[in-house]
Amino acid sequence: MELLKFMNDQDQQKQNGNILLKIESVSKAFGGVQALWEVSFDLQAGLIKGLIGPNGAGKTTLFNLVTGIFRPDNGQIIFDNQNIQGRQVHDLVNLGIARTFQNVEIFGSMSVAENVMVGQHVRTRSGFWGAITRVPWMVREENNIWNNAMEILSFVGIEDLAHRKSSELPFGWQRLLEIARALASNPKVLLLDEPAAGLNATETRQLGKLLKKIQKKGITLLLVEHDMSLTMEICDRIVVLDQGKKLAEGTPREIQNNASVMAAYLGMGT
């Protein structure tokens, strides 16, 4: 079986209009601190949904619940019609959930291309022994992995850096590499935790264009971001968290016109 083609547009686009991810009355506490309290919202396939709120609002905790790092105390998380709480991280990646982190997480000793190739191994058959024995079908699969990696690097705009050591890249390119590696797992949904953090204005504009390109490929995005200009520009809908609770949800225009949101998060009076 050959490696799945990078972002199958047609198959992914068939999901549009369906609810891909459901957060149902999810709560999570750490000791005496209630990080999330009965948070509920849906994520429709094919859209970009923003998740905003101040530090400590519970945004990253929610990401960690969806990606299997933590388990909710109460409530349910439904992905692609499956109840996923309690599933292992690698199982969730295999189901089609990928993420990036606020602090860039790449393999610094590896080349750019090798980082992306690692991201594809959830979709391959060969493992450790395959790499040693080098039987013909495994060699073909390895070639497919390399070709896919180059295709993904071209998609994000850093194919010329394929042989560079990842730790030597400027920070902005490391961000792009992390996104490329996440795309390599052929996700249905991509969770991005403050992808514009540390980027300058030009890099942030380029990031926004890339995220819209990813959306056009049929991949659903859930975005935590403090850059309100980027969030309001690219998101179809936005959820606002406040002290672990959902304060509001709506289109960017509706959120901009919500007096309580303006007062609490965007620095405007009621």
Protein backbone atom coordinates (compact mmCIF):
# COMPACT_ATOMS: atom_id res chain seq x y z
CA MET A 1 0.00 0.00 0.00
CA GLU A 2 1.46 3.30 -1.03
CA LEU A 3 1.71 6.29 1.24
CA LEU A 4 -1.45 8.40 1.25
CA LYS A 5 -1.15 11.30 -1.15
CA PHE A 6 -0.51 14.64 0.54
CA MET A 7 -3.85 16.25 1.35
CA ASN A 8 -6.34 14.54 -0.93
CA ASP A 9 -8.44 17.55 -1.93
CA GLN A 10 -11.49 15.69 -3.15
CA ASP A 11 -11.85 13.36 -0.18
CA GLN A 12 -11.24 16.14 2.31
CA GLN A 13 -13.68 18.52 0.63
CA LYS A 14 -16.47 15.93 0.96
CA GLN A 15 -16.38 16.66 4.69
CA ASN A 16 -17.53 20.26 4.25
CA GLY A 17 -20.81 20.93 6.00
CA ASN A 18 -20.28 18.09 8.51
CA ILE A 19 -19.38 18.47 12.17
CA LEU A 20 -15.86 17.08 12.45
CA LEU A 21 -15.14 17.85 16.13
CA LYS A 22 -17.59 18.21 19.01
CA ILE A 23 -16.62 19.48 22.45
CA GLU A 24 -19.48 18.55 24.79
CA SER A 25 -19.60 19.99 28.34
CA VAL A 26 -15.88 19.40 28.84
CA SER A 27 -14.34 20.21 32.24
CA LYS A 28 -10.78 19.87 33.50
CA ALA A 29 -9.20 20.75 36.84
CA PHE A 30 -5.60 20.63 38.03
CA GLY A 31 -5.62 20.31 41.79
CA GLY A 32 -7.77 23.17 43.03
CA VAL A 33 -7.58 25.12 39.76
CA GLN A 34 -10.52 24.74 37.39
CA ALA A 35 -8.95 25.14 33.95
CA LEU A 36 -12.13 24.41 31.96
CA TRP A 37 -15.74 24.32 33.04
CA GLU A 38 -18.46 22.73 30.86
CA VAL A 39 -17.11 24.09 27.58
CA SER A 40 -19.10 23.13 24.49
CA PHE A 41 -18.72 23.98 20.81
CA ASP A 42 -18.62 22.31 17.40
CA LEU A 43 -16.02 22.54 14.66
CA GLN A 44 -17.47 22.24 11.17
CA ALA A 45 -15.32 20.47 8.60
CA GLY A 46 -13.53 22.77 6.18
CA LEU A 47 -13.64 25.89 8.36
CA ILE A 48 -11.08 27.86 10.36
CA LYS A 49 -12.26 28.40 13.94
CA GLY A 50 -10.39 30.70 16.29
CA LEU A 51 -10.11 30.18 20.05
CA ILE A 52 -9.29 33.38 21.92
CA GLY A 53 -9.03 34.57 25.50
CA PRO A 54 -6.44 35.86 27.97
CA ASN A 55 -3.61 33.79 29.41
CA GLY A 56 -5.08 31.19 31.72
CA ALA A 57 -8.41 31.03 29.91
CA GLY A 58 -7.95 27.33 29.17
CA LYS A 59 -7.12 27.41 25.45
CA THR A 60 -3.98 25.26 25.53
CA THR A 61 -5.61 22.92 28.06
CA LEU A 62 -8.41 22.35 25.58
CA PHE A 63 -5.85 21.59 22.85
CA ASN A 64 -4.18 19.09 25.19
CA LEU A 65 -7.50 17.36 25.80
CA VAL A 66 -8.30 17.07 22.10
CA THR A 67 -4.83 15.71 21.29
CA GLY A 68 -4.79 13.13 24.09
CA ILE A 69 -2.19 14.68 26.37
CA PHE A 70 -4.80 15.11 29.12
CA ARG A 71 -8.14 13.41 29.70
CA PRO A 72 -11.22 15.50 30.59
CA ASP A 73 -12.73 15.13 34.05
CA ASN A 74 -16.21 15.39 32.59
CA GLY A 75 -17.83 15.71 29.18
CA GLN A 76 -17.08 14.19 25.83
CA ILE A 77 -14.84 14.90 22.84
CA ILE A 78 -16.20 13.49 19.58
CA PHE A 79 -13.99 13.45 16.51
CA ASP A 80 -15.25 12.17 13.17
CA ASN A 81 -18.16 10.48 14.99
CA GLN A 82 -15.86 8.71 17.47
CA ASN A 83 -15.56 9.34 21.21
CA ILE A 84 -11.84 9.95 21.60
CA GLN A 85 -11.11 10.77 25.23
CA GLY A 86 -8.67 8.29 26.67
CA ARG A 87 -7.13 7.50 23.29
CA GLN A 88 -3.34 7.59 22.98
CA VAL A 89 -1.67 10.50 21.18
CA HIS A 90 -0.40 8.33 18.31
CA ASP A 91 -3.90 6.85 17.85
CA LEU A 92 -5.35 10.34 17.50
CA VAL A 93 -2.71 11.30 14.95
CA ASN A 94 -3.64 8.18 13.01
CA LEU A 95 -7.31 9.23 13.15
CA GLY A 96 -6.39 12.58 11.59
CA ILE A 97 -5.62 15.04 14.41
CA ALA A 98 -2.37 17.04 14.16
CA ARG A 99 -1.09 20.05 16.08
CA THR A 100 1.67 22.59 16.41
CA PHE A 101 2.93 24.12 19.65
CA GLN A 102 3.36 27.64 21.04
CA ASN A 103 7.06 26.86 21.50
CA VAL A 104 8.36 25.39 18.26
CA GLU A 105 8.94 21.63 18.59
CA ILE A 106 11.22 20.32 15.86
CA PHE A 107 14.07 17.81 15.72
CA GLY A 108 16.97 20.23 15.62
CA SER A 109 19.63 17.65 14.75
CA MET A 110 17.69 16.48 11.70
CA SER A 111 17.48 18.14 8.31
CA VAL A 112 14.37 20.02 7.25
CA ALA A 113 13.32 17.17 4.94
CA GLU A 114 13.93 14.54 7.63
CA ASN A 115 11.62 16.39 10.03
CA VAL A 116 8.81 16.20 7.49
CA MET A 117 9.58 12.56 6.67
CA VAL A 118 9.21 11.70 10.38
CA GLY A 119 5.74 13.22 10.31
CA GLN A 120 4.66 10.76 7.61
CA HIS A 121 5.55 7.53 9.39
CA VAL A 122 2.10 7.21 10.96
CA ARG A 123 0.88 6.50 7.41
CA THR A 124 3.56 3.98 6.42
CA ARG A 125 4.11 0.25 6.87
CA SER A 126 7.88 0.07 7.17
CA GLY A 127 9.49 0.48 10.56
CA PHE A 128 12.87 -0.15 12.11
CA TRP A 129 13.46 -3.52 10.43
CA GLY A 130 12.24 -2.19 7.12
CA ALA A 131 14.88 0.50 7.23
CA ILE A 132 17.54 -2.17 7.82
CA THR A 133 16.46 -4.90 5.41
CA ARG A 134 15.73 -2.51 2.52
CA VAL A 135 13.38 -4.89 0.69
CA PRO A 136 12.13 -3.44 -2.64
CA TRP A 137 8.65 -2.39 -1.54
CA MET A 138 10.09 -0.62 1.47
CA VAL A 139 12.57 1.22 -0.74
CA ARG A 140 9.66 2.35 -2.93
CA GLU A 141 7.78 3.52 0.13
CA GLU A 142 10.84 5.45 1.34
CA ASN A 143 11.04 7.14 -2.06
CA ASN A 144 7.36 8.07 -1.78
CA ILE A 145 8.00 9.54 1.66
CA TRP A 146 10.83 11.68 0.28
CA ASN A 147 8.72 12.89 -2.66
CA ASN A 148 5.82 13.73 -0.36
CA ALA A 149 8.16 15.62 1.97
CA MET A 150 9.41 17.74 -0.91
CA GLU A 151 5.85 18.39 -2.06
CA ILE A 152 4.84 19.56 1.40
CA LEU A 153 7.94 21.74 1.78
CA SER A 154 7.13 23.32 -1.59
CA PHE A 155 3.56 23.92 -0.41
CA VAL A 156 4.73 25.88 2.65
CA GLY A 157 7.47 27.64 0.66
CA ILE A 158 10.70 26.23 2.12
CA GLU A 159 11.63 23.46 -0.33
CA ASP A 160 15.02 25.13 -0.97
CA LEU A 161 15.91 24.45 2.68
CA ALA A 162 15.32 20.69 2.51
CA HIS A 163 18.93 19.75 3.30
CA ARG A 164 19.54 22.43 5.93
CA LYS A 165 19.88 21.43 9.56
CA SER A 166 16.62 22.40 11.25
CA SER A 167 18.23 24.07 14.26
CA GLU A 168 20.04 26.50 11.92
CA LEU A 169 16.83 27.95 10.48
CA PRO A 170 15.56 31.40 11.48
CA PHE A 171 12.58 31.22 13.82
CA GLY A 172 10.00 32.09 11.18
CA TRP A 173 11.14 29.22 8.96
CA GLN A 174 11.07 26.87 11.93
CA ARG A 175 7.39 27.76 12.33
CA LEU A 176 6.78 26.82 8.71
CA LEU A 177 8.68 23.58 9.18
CA GLU A 178 6.57 22.63 12.17
CA ILE A 179 3.42 23.22 10.12
CA ALA A 180 4.89 21.17 7.26
CA ARG A 181 5.63 18.28 9.60
CA ALA A 182 2.07 18.40 10.97
CA LEU A 183 0.69 18.34 7.41
CA ALA A 184 2.82 15.29 6.67
CA SER A 185 0.52 13.12 8.80
CA ASN A 186 -2.30 13.91 6.33
CA PRO A 187 -4.60 15.37 9.00
CA LYS A 188 -8.31 16.03 8.85
CA VAL A 189 -7.95 18.76 11.48
CA LEU A 190 -4.90 20.85 12.37
CA LEU A 191 -4.68 22.53 15.77
CA LEU A 192 -2.34 25.53 15.83
CA ASP A 193 -1.25 26.95 19.20
CA GLU A 194 -0.23 30.60 18.67
CA PRO A 195 1.46 30.07 15.29
CA ALA A 196 2.19 33.81 14.91
CA ALA A 197 4.03 34.08 18.25
CA GLY A 198 7.51 35.48 17.63
CA LEU A 199 6.81 36.42 14.00
CA ASN A 200 7.17 39.91 12.58
CA ALA A 201 4.38 41.64 10.65
CA THR A 202 5.54 40.38 7.25
CA GLU A 203 5.89 36.80 8.48
CA THR A 204 2.46 36.98 10.10
CA ARG A 205 0.85 38.08 6.82
CA GLN A 206 2.57 35.21 5.02
CA LEU A 207 1.37 32.82 7.72
CA GLY A 208 -2.20 33.99 7.22
CA LYS A 209 -1.98 33.28 3.49
CA LEU A 210 -0.56 29.82 4.18
CA LEU A 211 -3.37 28.94 6.60
CA LYS A 212 -5.96 29.94 4.00
CA LYS A 213 -4.13 27.74 1.46
CA ILE A 214 -4.33 24.83 3.90
CA GLN A 215 -8.05 25.46 4.34
CA LYS A 216 -8.54 25.41 0.57
CA LYS A 217 -6.99 21.93 0.57
CA GLY A 218 -9.94 20.81 2.71
CA ILE A 219 -8.16 20.67 6.07
CA THR A 220 -10.08 22.00 9.06
CA LEU A 221 -8.20 24.39 11.37
CA LEU A 222 -8.60 25.22 15.06
CA LEU A 223 -6.46 28.22 15.92
CA VAL A 224 -5.35 29.67 19.25
CA GLU A 225 -3.86 33.08 18.57
CA HIS A 226 -3.28 36.34 20.45
CA ASP A 227 -2.80 38.34 17.24
CA MET A 228 -6.34 39.67 16.85
CA SER A 229 -5.72 41.09 13.37
CA LEU A 230 -4.73 37.66 12.07
CA THR A 231 -7.56 35.92 13.92
CA MET A 232 -10.25 38.29 12.66
CA GLU A 233 -8.90 38.15 9.11
CA ILE A 234 -8.69 34.40 8.54
CA CYS A 235 -11.23 32.78 10.90
CA ASP A 236 -14.74 31.82 9.82
CA ARG A 237 -15.94 31.60 13.41
CA ILE A 238 -14.44 32.39 16.82
CA VAL A 239 -14.95 30.98 20.32
CA VAL A 240 -14.07 33.19 23.30
CA LEU A 241 -13.00 31.61 26.59
CA ASP A 242 -12.96 33.47 29.89
CA GLN A 243 -11.60 31.84 33.05
CA GLY A 244 -12.24 28.38 31.66
CA LYS A 245 -15.78 29.07 30.48
CA LYS A 246 -17.14 29.87 27.05
CA LEU A 247 -18.03 33.56 26.97
CA ALA A 248 -19.13 33.93 23.35
CA GLU A 249 -19.12 32.35 19.90
CA GLY A 250 -19.81 33.83 16.48
CA THR A 251 -18.38 35.23 13.30
CA PRO A 252 -15.48 37.68 13.54
CA ARG A 253 -17.91 40.56 13.00
CA GLU A 254 -20.21 39.30 15.74
CA ILE A 255 -17.29 38.91 18.15
CA GLN A 256 -16.02 42.40 17.28
CA ASN A 257 -19.48 43.79 18.06
CA ASN A 258 -19.89 41.87 21.32
CA ALA A 259 -19.57 44.47 24.07
CA SER A 260 -18.40 42.08 26.79
CA VAL A 261 -15.74 40.60 24.52
CA MET A 262 -14.55 44.06 23.49
CA ALA A 263 -14.26 45.11 27.11
CA ALA A 264 -12.49 41.98 28.28
CA TYR A 265 -10.16 41.13 25.41
CA LEU A 266 -9.83 43.85 22.81
CA GLY A 267 -9.34 46.82 25.10
CA MET A 268 -12.57 48.64 24.27
CA GLY A 269 -15.14 49.95 26.66
CA THR A 270 -18.77 48.86 26.76
